[in-house]
Amino acid sequence: MRLGLFDSGIGGLTVFKKVVELSPNTSFVYLADTARLPYGLRTSNEIIEIAEEISFWFSHQNIDAFLVACNTTNSIALDVIKKRLNVPVFDLIESVSSVIEENRVGVLATPSTVKTSAYTNAILGFKPKTFVIEQPCPEFVPLIEMDQLKLDEIRDVAIGYLQPLLKENIESLILGCSHYPLISPLLVKLLPSNVKLIDPAEALSLKLKLFMDSKMSNFAKRNYLVDSKFYVTSDPCNFANRAKQWLNLFPEVKLVSLQKKA
């Protein structure tokens, strides 16, 4: 089975890794729109326009299913992607919201995602009495993409973002951007031991595995290391270097142009 996976940058590799761990015979067409990140400060109209372009590009990639690894796109333009792609579409927000058990839930996300209240609405749709508080984190993605993970700056930023959530006595914390699992070791150190850290990629990969297990007899098995293709809209060398850090593999990364550049 060949999966399409889209993110604004390296964050989608956290989803890629989770899926491969559960379903190693899967190959990917991974597209990172690195030329236009971060998405979290863009307008809804911009995100919708980008989703149109991404959907058009993937419609020509011979994929069997599509993963929306970008939470911002998920929160604003999921309907656009589902309308444009004639394959099953899996998303992070609904996948994780359907399995939340705690009564007081915090969410770290980009400003654009928080503005939509997508996580709050999805969680309440499954568990109406849940208290949900969403925290915008505009500085995380730029720091992560610049590989500034070991500096005091990102620690200080994280402390500032967590304070409002901890004041509300949250019981779990959702990483509402696929970049954020890359700093989960830092967040674990800053959180009280009673607060559960939740990576939506885990729920998505489990949901996807159930789908794939039911369909796998119809698809040839693949070797993801050989068959997966990686594409970016800018700086393929930097993406390849970061992928090596996270995945312990050095993929060939190709530069592509979408219909329109910001």
C-alpha atoms as a PDB file:
ATOM      1  CA  MET A   1       0.000   0.000   0.000  1.00  0.00           C
ATOM      2  CA  ARG A   2       1.301   3.441  -0.901  1.00  0.00           C
ATOM      3  CA  LEU A   3       0.298   6.308   1.387  1.00  0.00           C
ATOM      4  CA  GLY A   4       0.410   9.997   0.651  1.00  0.00           C
ATOM      5  CA  LEU A   5       1.561  12.074   3.611  1.00  0.00           C
ATOM      6  CA  PHE A   6       1.632  15.846   3.772  1.00  0.00           C
ATOM      7  CA  ASP A   7       3.070  18.335   6.229  1.00  0.00           C
ATOM      8  CA  SER A   8       4.575  21.806   6.123  1.00  0.00           C
ATOM      9  CA  GLY A   9       8.011  20.467   7.120  1.00  0.00           C
ATOM     10  CA  ILE A  10       9.778  17.802   9.149  1.00  0.00           C
ATOM     11  CA  GLY A  11       6.925  17.436  11.634  1.00  0.00           C
ATOM     12  CA  GLY A  12       5.219  14.849   9.469  1.00  0.00           C
ATOM     13  CA  LEU A  13       8.172  12.552  10.034  1.00  0.00           C
ATOM     14  CA  THR A  14       6.778  11.910  13.530  1.00  0.00           C
ATOM     15  CA  VAL A  15       3.635  10.530  11.885  1.00  0.00           C
ATOM     16  CA  PHE A  16       5.692   8.659   9.279  1.00  0.00           C
ATOM     17  CA  LYS A  17       7.697   6.961  12.023  1.00  0.00           C
ATOM     18  CA  LYS A  18       4.639   5.857  14.010  1.00  0.00           C
ATOM     19  CA  VAL A  19       2.953   4.377  10.950  1.00  0.00           C
ATOM     20  CA  VAL A  20       6.084   2.509   9.852  1.00  0.00           C
ATOM     21  CA  GLU A  21       6.486   1.029  13.341  1.00  0.00           C
ATOM     22  CA  LEU A  22       2.997  -0.501  13.155  1.00  0.00           C
ATOM     23  CA  SER A  23       2.852  -1.194   9.411  1.00  0.00           C
ATOM     24  CA  PRO A  24       6.383  -1.773   8.101  1.00  0.00           C
ATOM     25  CA  ASN A  25       5.230  -2.950   4.659  1.00  0.00           C
ATOM     26  CA  THR A  26       3.935   0.491   3.776  1.00  0.00           C
ATOM     27  CA  SER A  27       5.556   2.937   1.390  1.00  0.00           C
ATOM     28  CA  PHE A  28       5.036   6.676   1.300  1.00  0.00           C
ATOM     29  CA  VAL A  29       4.906   9.665  -0.945  1.00  0.00           C
ATOM     30  CA  TYR A  30       5.881  12.379   1.531  1.00  0.00           C
ATOM     31  CA  LEU A  31       5.503  16.034   0.583  1.00  0.00           C
ATOM     32  CA  ALA A  32       6.765  18.846   2.840  1.00  0.00           C
ATOM     33  CA  ASP A  33       5.793  22.371   1.811  1.00  0.00           C
ATOM     34  CA  THR A  34       8.965  23.802   3.313  1.00  0.00           C
ATOM     35  CA  ALA A  35       8.833  26.933   1.152  1.00  0.00           C
ATOM     36  CA  ARG A  36       5.773  28.186   3.017  1.00  0.00           C
ATOM     37  CA  LEU A  37       6.227  27.066   6.601  1.00  0.00           C
ATOM     38  CA  PRO A  38       5.231  27.863   9.240  1.00  0.00           C
ATOM     39  CA  TYR A  39       1.568  27.364   8.397  1.00  0.00           C
ATOM     40  CA  GLY A  40       0.442  28.291  11.895  1.00  0.00           C
ATOM     41  CA  LEU A  41       0.417  32.046  11.230  1.00  0.00           C
ATOM     42  CA  ARG A  42      -1.260  31.885   7.818  1.00  0.00           C
ATOM     43  CA  THR A  43      -4.862  32.875   7.140  1.00  0.00           C
ATOM     44  CA  SER A  44      -7.636  30.372   6.526  1.00  0.00           C
ATOM     45  CA  ASN A  45      -7.852  31.448   2.886  1.00  0.00           C
ATOM     46  CA  GLU A  46      -4.141  30.780   2.426  1.00  0.00           C
ATOM     47  CA  ILE A  47      -4.417  27.326   3.985  1.00  0.00           C
ATOM     48  CA  ILE A  48      -7.416  26.469   1.812  1.00  0.00           C
ATOM     49  CA  GLU A  49      -5.567  27.569  -1.324  1.00  0.00           C
ATOM     50  CA  ILE A  50      -2.537  25.503  -0.339  1.00  0.00           C
ATOM     51  CA  ALA A  51      -4.775  22.488   0.352  1.00  0.00           C
ATOM     52  CA  GLU A  52      -6.154  22.786  -3.182  1.00  0.00           C
ATOM     53  CA  GLU A  53      -2.629  22.711  -4.597  1.00  0.00           C
ATOM     54  CA  ILE A  54      -1.527  19.820  -2.394  1.00  0.00           C
ATOM     55  CA  SER A  55      -4.602  17.788  -3.311  1.00  0.00           C
ATOM     56  CA  PHE A  56      -4.035  18.393  -7.016  1.00  0.00           C
ATOM     57  CA  TRP A  57      -0.399  17.278  -6.738  1.00  0.00           C
ATOM     58  CA  PHE A  58      -1.242  14.118  -4.805  1.00  0.00           C
ATOM     59  CA  SER A  59      -4.040  13.223  -7.200  1.00  0.00           C
ATOM     60  CA  HIS A  60      -1.268  12.390  -9.695  1.00  0.00           C
ATOM     61  CA  GLN A  61       0.867  10.283  -7.304  1.00  0.00           C
ATOM     62  CA  ASN A  62      -0.944   6.928  -7.472  1.00  0.00           C
ATOM     63  CA  ILE A  63      -1.613   6.684  -3.724  1.00  0.00           C
ATOM     64  CA  ASP A  64      -4.029   4.307  -1.970  1.00  0.00           C
ATOM     65  CA  ALA A  65      -4.795   6.531   1.052  1.00  0.00           C
ATOM     66  CA  PHE A  66      -3.810   9.967   2.352  1.00  0.00           C
ATOM     67  CA  LEU A  67      -2.590  11.145   5.756  1.00  0.00           C
ATOM     68  CA  VAL A  68      -3.019  14.765   6.796  1.00  0.00           C
ATOM     69  CA  ALA A  69      -0.004  15.178   9.078  1.00  0.00           C
ATOM     70  CA  CYS A  70      -0.393  18.960   9.300  1.00  0.00           C
ATOM     71  CA  ASN A  71      -2.791  19.917  12.104  1.00  0.00           C
ATOM     72  CA  THR A  72      -3.316  23.426  10.743  1.00  0.00           C
ATOM     73  CA  THR A  73      -4.429  22.081   7.369  1.00  0.00           C
ATOM     74  CA  ASN A  74      -6.450  19.433   9.198  1.00  0.00           C
ATOM     75  CA  SER A  75      -8.320  22.057  11.215  1.00  0.00           C
ATOM     76  CA  ILE A  76      -9.056  24.416   8.320  1.00  0.00           C
ATOM     77  CA  ALA A  77      -9.149  22.524   5.028  1.00  0.00           C
ATOM     78  CA  LEU A  78      -9.788  18.826   5.683  1.00  0.00           C
ATOM     79  CA  ASP A  79     -13.022  19.036   3.704  1.00  0.00           C
ATOM     80  CA  VAL A  80     -11.129  20.413   0.706  1.00  0.00           C
ATOM     81  CA  ILE A  81      -8.728  17.476   0.720  1.00  0.00           C
ATOM     82  CA  LYS A  82     -11.483  14.901   1.135  1.00  0.00           C
ATOM     83  CA  LYS A  83     -13.388  16.452  -1.755  1.00  0.00           C
ATOM     84  CA  ARG A  84     -10.396  16.574  -4.106  1.00  0.00           C
ATOM     85  CA  LEU A  85      -8.810  13.182  -3.415  1.00  0.00           C
ATOM     86  CA  ASN A  86     -10.555   9.996  -4.454  1.00  0.00           C
ATOM     87  CA  VAL A  87      -8.923   7.883  -1.710  1.00  0.00           C
ATOM     88  CA  PRO A  88      -9.553   7.409   2.038  1.00  0.00           C
ATOM     89  CA  VAL A  89      -8.261  10.374   4.066  1.00  0.00           C
ATOM     90  CA  PHE A  90      -6.988   9.975   7.637  1.00  0.00           C
ATOM     91  CA  ASP A  91      -6.461  12.915   9.976  1.00  0.00           C
ATOM     92  CA  LEU A  92      -4.884  13.518  13.357  1.00  0.00           C
ATOM     93  CA  ILE A  93      -7.569  15.572  15.101  1.00  0.00           C
ATOM     94  CA  GLU A  94     -10.510  13.194  14.798  1.00  0.00           C
ATOM     95  CA  SER A  95      -8.308  10.143  15.352  1.00  0.00           C
ATOM     96  CA  VAL A  96      -6.998  11.317  18.719  1.00  0.00           C
ATOM     97  CA  SER A  97     -10.210  13.031  19.848  1.00  0.00           C
ATOM     98  CA  SER A  98     -12.088   9.738  19.569  1.00  0.00           C
ATOM     99  CA  VAL A  99      -9.861   8.045  22.162  1.00  0.00           C
ATOM    100  CA  ILE A 100      -9.496  10.768  24.819  1.00  0.00           C
ATOM    101  CA  GLU A 101     -10.329   9.434  28.281  1.00  0.00           C
ATOM    102  CA  GLU A 102      -9.390  12.312  30.601  1.00  0.00           C
ATOM    103  CA  ASN A 103     -11.865  14.949  31.785  1.00  0.00           C
ATOM    104  CA  ARG A 104      -9.523  17.961  31.667  1.00  0.00           C
ATOM    105  CA  VAL A 105      -7.487  18.205  28.479  1.00  0.00           C
ATOM    106  CA  GLY A 106      -4.909  20.722  27.308  1.00  0.00           C
ATOM    107  CA  VAL A 107      -3.863  21.216  23.691  1.00  0.00           C
ATOM    108  CA  LEU A 108      -0.677  22.785  22.345  1.00  0.00           C
ATOM    109  CA  ALA A 109      -1.187  23.905  18.736  1.00  0.00           C
ATOM    110  CA  THR A 110      -0.406  26.588  16.188  1.00  0.00           C
ATOM    111  CA  PRO A 111      -2.335  29.877  16.375  1.00  0.00           C
ATOM    112  CA  SER A 112      -4.268  28.991  13.208  1.00  0.00           C
ATOM    113  CA  THR A 113      -5.351  25.644  14.634  1.00  0.00           C
ATOM    114  CA  VAL A 114      -6.362  27.159  17.976  1.00  0.00           C
ATOM    115  CA  LYS A 115      -8.393  29.833  16.202  1.00  0.00           C
ATOM    116  CA  THR A 116     -10.629  27.157  14.673  1.00  0.00           C
ATOM    117  CA  SER A 117     -11.265  25.402  18.037  1.00  0.00           C
ATOM    118  CA  ALA A 118     -10.968  22.196  16.017  1.00  0.00           C
ATOM    119  CA  TYR A 119      -9.620  20.118  18.891  1.00  0.00           C
ATOM    120  CA  THR A 120     -12.208  21.426  21.355  1.00  0.00           C
ATOM    121  CA  ASN A 121     -15.080  20.751  18.961  1.00  0.00           C
ATOM    122  CA  ALA A 122     -13.827  17.287  18.027  1.00  0.00           C
ATOM    123  CA  ILE A 123     -13.238  16.199  21.634  1.00  0.00           C
ATOM    124  CA  LEU A 124     -16.603  17.511  22.779  1.00  0.00           C
ATOM    125  CA  GLY A 125     -18.203  15.674  19.887  1.00  0.00           C
ATOM    126  CA  PHE A 126     -17.010  12.387  21.372  1.00  0.00           C
ATOM    127  CA  LYS A 127     -17.025  13.330  25.075  1.00  0.00           C
ATOM    128  CA  PRO A 128     -19.319  16.329  25.675  1.00  0.00           C
ATOM    129  CA  LYS A 129     -18.468  16.996  29.331  1.00  0.00           C
ATOM    130  CA  THR A 130     -14.727  17.306  28.800  1.00  0.00           C
ATOM    131  CA  PHE A 131     -12.973  20.538  29.772  1.00  0.00           C
ATOM    132  CA  VAL A 132     -10.630  21.531  26.930  1.00  0.00           C
ATOM    133  CA  ILE A 133      -8.160  24.419  26.843  1.00  0.00           C
ATOM    134  CA  GLU A 134      -6.107  25.170  23.730  1.00  0.00           C
ATOM    135  CA  GLN A 135      -2.798  27.076  23.848  1.00  0.00           C
ATOM    136  CA  PRO A 136      -1.350  28.757  20.722  1.00  0.00           C
ATOM    137  CA  CYS A 137       2.401  28.182  20.311  1.00  0.00           C
ATOM    138  CA  PRO A 138       3.662  30.443  17.505  1.00  0.00           C
ATOM    139  CA  GLU A 139       7.360  30.064  18.335  1.00  0.00           C
ATOM    140  CA  PHE A 140       7.665  26.278  18.441  1.00  0.00           C
ATOM    141  CA  VAL A 141       7.678  25.387  14.731  1.00  0.00           C
ATOM    142  CA  PRO A 142      10.312  27.965  13.676  1.00  0.00           C
ATOM    143  CA  LEU A 143      12.610  26.865  16.520  1.00  0.00           C
ATOM    144  CA  ILE A 144      12.128  23.180  15.694  1.00  0.00           C
ATOM    145  CA  GLU A 145      12.705  23.682  11.970  1.00  0.00           C
ATOM    146  CA  MET A 146      15.910  25.594  12.771  1.00  0.00           C
ATOM    147  CA  ASP A 147      17.041  22.685  14.978  1.00  0.00           C
ATOM    148  CA  GLN A 148      17.128  24.854  18.091  1.00  0.00           C
ATOM    149  CA  LEU A 149      15.997  22.042  20.381  1.00  0.00           C
ATOM    150  CA  LYS A 150      18.803  22.180  22.923  1.00  0.00           C
ATOM    151  CA  LEU A 151      18.791  25.890  23.626  1.00  0.00           C
ATOM    152  CA  ASP A 152      17.429  27.551  26.752  1.00  0.00           C
ATOM    153  CA  GLU A 153      15.216  29.648  24.491  1.00  0.00           C
ATOM    154  CA  ILE A 154      12.882  26.792  23.563  1.00  0.00           C
ATOM    155  CA  ARG A 155      12.719  25.674  27.200  1.00  0.00           C
ATOM    156  CA  ASP A 156      11.693  29.165  28.324  1.00  0.00           C
ATOM    157  CA  VAL A 157       9.126  29.364  25.522  1.00  0.00           C
ATOM    158  CA  ALA A 158       7.699  25.976  26.510  1.00  0.00           C
ATOM    159  CA  ILE A 159       7.373  26.996  30.150  1.00  0.00           C
ATOM    160  CA  GLY A 160       5.400  30.056  29.095  1.00  0.00           C
ATOM    161  CA  TYR A 161       3.040  28.009  26.947  1.00  0.00           C
ATOM    162  CA  LEU A 162       2.459  25.370  29.629  1.00  0.00           C
ATOM    163  CA  GLN A 163       1.686  27.713  32.525  1.00  0.00           C
ATOM    164  CA  PRO A 164      -1.931  28.593  31.524  1.00  0.00           C
ATOM    165  CA  LEU A 165      -2.694  24.913  30.956  1.00  0.00           C
ATOM    166  CA  LEU A 166      -1.240  23.727  34.252  1.00  0.00           C
ATOM    167  CA  LYS A 167      -3.197  26.398  36.118  1.00  0.00           C
ATOM    168  CA  GLU A 168      -6.332  24.651  34.826  1.00  0.00           C
ATOM    169  CA  ASN A 169      -5.221  21.327  36.329  1.00  0.00           C
ATOM    170  CA  ILE A 170      -5.159  19.459  33.040  1.00  0.00           C
ATOM    171  CA  GLU A 171      -4.921  15.670  33.182  1.00  0.00           C
ATOM    172  CA  SER A 172      -3.586  15.173  29.667  1.00  0.00           C
ATOM    173  CA  LEU A 173      -1.834  17.293  27.060  1.00  0.00           C
ATOM    174  CA  ILE A 174      -2.295  16.787  23.322  1.00  0.00           C
ATOM    175  CA  LEU A 175       0.556  17.693  20.988  1.00  0.00           C
ATOM    176  CA  GLY A 176      -1.642  19.438  18.445  1.00  0.00           C
ATOM    177  CA  CYS A 177       1.081  19.942  15.837  1.00  0.00           C
ATOM    178  CA  SER A 178       3.092  17.145  14.243  1.00  0.00           C
ATOM    179  CA  HIS A 179       6.316  19.073  14.953  1.00  0.00           C
ATOM    180  CA  TYR A 180       5.792  18.988  18.712  1.00  0.00           C
ATOM    181  CA  PRO A 181       6.647  15.309  19.342  1.00  0.00           C
ATOM    182  CA  LEU A 182      10.183  16.306  18.360  1.00  0.00           C
ATOM    183  CA  ILE A 183      10.368  18.204  21.667  1.00  0.00           C
ATOM    184  CA  SER A 184       8.438  15.687  23.772  1.00  0.00           C
ATOM    185  CA  PRO A 185      11.508  14.889  25.955  1.00  0.00           C
ATOM    186  CA  LEU A 186      11.605  18.550  26.990  1.00  0.00           C
ATOM    187  CA  LEU A 187       7.865  18.687  27.617  1.00  0.00           C
ATOM    188  CA  VAL A 188       7.978  15.522  29.747  1.00  0.00           C
ATOM    189  CA  LYS A 189      10.585  17.169  31.981  1.00  0.00           C
ATOM    190  CA  LEU A 190       8.406  20.263  32.410  1.00  0.00           C
ATOM    191  CA  LEU A 191       5.103  18.500  33.039  1.00  0.00           C
ATOM    192  CA  PRO A 192       3.944  17.066  36.374  1.00  0.00           C
ATOM    193  CA  SER A 193       4.108  13.266  36.385  1.00  0.00           C
ATOM    194  CA  ASN A 194       0.312  13.016  36.584  1.00  0.00           C
ATOM    195  CA  VAL A 195      -0.203  14.765  33.213  1.00  0.00           C
ATOM    196  CA  LYS A 196      -0.363  12.329  30.280  1.00  0.00           C
ATOM    197  CA  LEU A 197       1.370  13.509  27.096  1.00  0.00           C
ATOM    198  CA  ILE A 198      -0.559  12.468  23.978  1.00  0.00           C
ATOM    199  CA  ASP A 199       0.843  12.248  20.450  1.00  0.00           C
ATOM    200  CA  PRO A 200      -2.084  12.150  17.969  1.00  0.00           C
ATOM    201  CA  ALA A 201       0.080  10.149  15.543  1.00  0.00           C
ATOM    202  CA  GLU A 202      -0.357   7.101  17.766  1.00  0.00           C
ATOM    203  CA  ALA A 203      -4.145   7.161  17.436  1.00  0.00           C
ATOM    204  CA  LEU A 204      -3.917   7.852  13.711  1.00  0.00           C
ATOM    205  CA  SER A 205      -1.471   5.007  13.085  1.00  0.00           C
ATOM    206  CA  LEU A 206      -3.690   2.552  14.985  1.00  0.00           C
ATOM    207  CA  LYS A 207      -6.737   3.631  13.023  1.00  0.00           C
ATOM    208  CA  LEU A 208      -4.797   3.372   9.782  1.00  0.00           C
ATOM    209  CA  LYS A 209      -3.473  -0.086  10.661  1.00  0.00           C
ATOM    210  CA  LEU A 210      -7.010  -1.406  11.098  1.00  0.00           C
ATOM    211  CA  PHE A 211      -7.884  -0.055   7.667  1.00  0.00           C
ATOM    212  CA  MET A 212      -4.721  -1.426   6.080  1.00  0.00           C
ATOM    213  CA  ASP A 213      -5.097  -4.873   7.666  1.00  0.00           C
ATOM    214  CA  SER A 214      -8.559  -5.122   6.148  1.00  0.00           C
ATOM    215  CA  LYS A 215      -7.263  -4.132   2.713  1.00  0.00           C
ATOM    216  CA  MET A 216      -3.731  -5.497   2.601  1.00  0.00           C
ATOM    217  CA  SER A 217      -4.625  -8.622   0.669  1.00  0.00           C
ATOM    218  CA  ASN A 218      -5.437  -6.316  -2.225  1.00  0.00           C
ATOM    219  CA  PHE A 219      -2.027  -4.648  -2.226  1.00  0.00           C
ATOM    220  CA  ALA A 220       1.501  -5.846  -2.810  1.00  0.00           C
ATOM    221  CA  LYS A 221       3.865  -5.622   0.153  1.00  0.00           C
ATOM    222  CA  ARG A 222       6.493  -2.914  -0.128  1.00  0.00           C
ATOM    223  CA  ASN A 223       9.768  -1.995   1.513  1.00  0.00           C
ATOM    224  CA  TYR A 224       9.289   1.547   2.806  1.00  0.00           C
ATOM    225  CA  LEU A 225      13.037   2.265   2.745  1.00  0.00           C
ATOM    226  CA  VAL A 226      13.208   1.471  -0.965  1.00  0.00           C
ATOM    227  CA  ASP A 227       9.817   2.533  -2.212  1.00  0.00           C
ATOM    228  CA  SER A 228       9.120   5.713  -0.244  1.00  0.00           C
ATOM    229  CA  LYS A 229       9.619   9.024  -2.018  1.00  0.00           C
ATOM    230  CA  PHE A 230      10.306  12.361  -0.323  1.00  0.00           C
ATOM    231  CA  TYR A 231       9.563  15.743  -1.880  1.00  0.00           C
ATOM    232  CA  VAL A 232       9.934  19.319  -0.637  1.00  0.00           C
ATOM    233  CA  THR A 233       9.186  22.750  -2.043  1.00  0.00           C
ATOM    234  CA  SER A 234      12.526  24.187  -0.851  1.00  0.00           C
ATOM    235  CA  ASP A 235      15.916  23.177   0.611  1.00  0.00           C
ATOM    236  CA  PRO A 236      15.973  19.400   0.045  1.00  0.00           C
ATOM    237  CA  CYS A 237      19.438  19.033   1.637  1.00  0.00           C
ATOM    238  CA  ASN A 238      18.291  20.478   4.948  1.00  0.00           C
ATOM    239  CA  PHE A 239      15.228  18.220   4.984  1.00  0.00           C
ATOM    240  CA  ALA A 240      17.377  15.157   4.256  1.00  0.00           C
ATOM    241  CA  ASN A 241      19.742  16.040   7.097  1.00  0.00           C
ATOM    242  CA  ARG A 242      16.891  16.488   9.559  1.00  0.00           C
ATOM    243  CA  ALA A 243      15.266  13.239   8.405  1.00  0.00           C
ATOM    244  CA  LYS A 244      18.517  11.423   9.133  1.00  0.00           C
ATOM    245  CA  GLN A 245      18.481  12.765  12.713  1.00  0.00           C
ATOM    246  CA  TRP A 246      14.919  11.614  13.334  1.00  0.00           C
ATOM    247  CA  LEU A 247      14.676   8.417  11.267  1.00  0.00           C
ATOM    248  CA  ASN A 248      18.293   7.206  11.121  1.00  0.00           C
ATOM    249  CA  LEU A 249      18.093   7.089   7.355  1.00  0.00           C
ATOM    250  CA  PHE A 250      19.265   9.530   4.722  1.00  0.00           C
ATOM    251  CA  PRO A 251      16.533   9.706   2.082  1.00  0.00           C
ATOM    252  CA  GLU A 252      16.813  11.071  -1.408  1.00  0.00           C
ATOM    253  CA  VAL A 253      14.750  14.253  -1.342  1.00  0.00           C
ATOM    254  CA  LYS A 254      13.508  15.848  -4.536  1.00  0.00           C
ATOM    255  CA  LEU A 255      12.517  19.463  -5.101  1.00  0.00           C
ATOM    256  CA  VAL A 256       9.068  20.062  -6.608  1.00  0.00           C
ATOM    257  CA  SER A 257       7.064  23.110  -7.582  1.00  0.00           C
ATOM    258  CA  LEU A 258       3.368  23.306  -6.863  1.00  0.00           C
ATOM    259  CA  GLN A 259       0.953  25.357  -8.921  1.00  0.00           C
ATOM    260  CA  LYS A 260       1.589  28.537  -7.044  1.00  0.00           C
ATOM    261  CA  LYS A 261       4.231  29.835  -4.644  1.00  0.00           C
ATOM    262  CA  ALA A 262       3.617  32.212  -1.747  1.00  0.00           C
END
